[in-house]
């Protein structure tokens, strides 16, 4: 019985590390797209709250990246 428990714990660790890797990857991609949006489209007059500052643009991009992570979405059970 202990062998089954050890295998189950190892499976959980493997799944968690995959999930953490996906979240981190999408966070970095989102932050990169946020900065690219600031750099290419940005608002230099200061009237646009998101694109006038690179930090806010990066943070919003990272947030969108996290929300788009496939491992965080619930699967449809039809």
Protein backbone atom coordinates (compact mmCIF):
# COMPACT_ATOMS: atom_id res chain seq x y z
CA UNK A 1 0.00 0.00 0.00
CA UNK A 2 2.88 2.40 0.70
CA UNK A 3 4.18 1.95 -2.84
CA UNK A 4 0.88 3.23 -4.20
CA UNK A 5 1.00 6.26 -1.89
CA UNK A 6 4.57 7.09 -2.94
CA UNK A 7 3.64 6.79 -6.62
CA UNK A 8 0.62 9.04 -6.05
CA UNK A 9 2.74 11.68 -4.30
CA UNK A 10 5.28 11.59 -7.15
CA UNK A 11 2.47 11.99 -9.69
CA UNK A 12 1.12 15.03 -7.82
CA UNK A 13 4.60 16.59 -7.68
CA UNK A 14 5.07 16.07 -11.43
CA UNK A 15 1.67 17.59 -12.24
CA UNK A 16 2.29 20.56 -9.94
CA UNK A 17 5.68 21.31 -11.47
CA UNK A 18 4.16 21.18 -14.98
CA UNK A 19 1.40 23.55 -13.91
CA UNK A 20 3.87 25.93 -12.29
CA UNK A 21 6.02 25.88 -15.44
CA UNK A 22 3.01 26.71 -17.64
CA UNK A 23 1.91 29.56 -15.39
CA UNK A 24 5.43 30.99 -15.32
CA UNK A 25 5.79 30.67 -19.08
CA UNK A 26 2.50 32.43 -19.78
CA UNK A 27 3.31 35.11 -17.18
CA UNK A 28 6.61 35.89 -18.93
CA UNK A 29 4.97 35.84 -22.36
CA UNK A 30 2.20 38.16 -21.17
CA UNK A 31 4.68 40.56 -19.61
CA UNK A 32 6.69 40.58 -22.83
CA UNK A 33 3.61 41.32 -24.90
CA UNK A 34 2.65 44.06 -22.43
CA UNK A 35 6.03 45.73 -22.88
CA UNK A 36 5.89 45.29 -26.64
CA UNK A 37 2.47 46.93 -26.66
CA UNK A 38 3.83 49.84 -24.61
CA UNK A 39 6.85 50.19 -26.89
CA UNK A 40 5.02 49.86 -30.23
CA UNK A 41 1.61 51.41 -29.51
CA UNK A 42 2.09 53.26 -26.21
CA UNK A 43 0.53 56.60 -25.35
CA UNK A 44 3.19 59.26 -24.74
CA UNK A 45 0.88 62.09 -23.68
CA UNK A 46 0.19 60.41 -20.34
CA UNK A 47 -3.58 60.31 -20.74
CA UNK A 48 -3.80 56.55 -21.30
CA UNK A 49 -3.63 54.84 -17.90
CA UNK A 50 -2.25 51.50 -19.11
CA UNK A 51 0.01 52.30 -22.03
CA UNK A 52 1.57 55.54 -20.79
CA UNK A 53 3.70 53.70 -18.21
CA UNK A 54 5.79 50.60 -19.02
CA UNK A 55 5.33 49.12 -15.53
CA UNK A 56 1.53 49.13 -15.70
CA UNK A 57 1.62 47.81 -19.24
CA UNK A 58 3.88 44.93 -18.17
CA UNK A 59 1.70 44.16 -15.13
CA UNK A 60 -1.50 44.12 -17.16
CA UNK A 61 0.19 41.92 -19.78
CA UNK A 62 1.38 39.51 -17.08
CA UNK A 63 -2.12 39.36 -15.59
CA UNK A 64 -3.63 38.58 -18.99
CA UNK A 65 -0.93 35.93 -19.52
CA UNK A 66 -1.82 34.25 -16.23
CA UNK A 67 -5.52 34.33 -17.06
CA UNK A 68 -4.84 32.71 -20.43
CA UNK A 69 -2.85 29.82 -18.96
CA UNK A 70 -4.44 26.59 -20.22
CA UNK A 71 -3.73 24.66 -17.02
CA UNK A 72 -5.86 27.04 -14.95
CA UNK A 73 -9.00 26.65 -17.04
CA UNK A 74 -11.60 24.10 -16.03
CA UNK A 75 -12.26 21.37 -18.54
CA UNK A 76 -15.77 21.00 -19.88
CA UNK A 77 -17.41 17.79 -18.75
CA UNK A 78 -19.98 17.00 -21.42
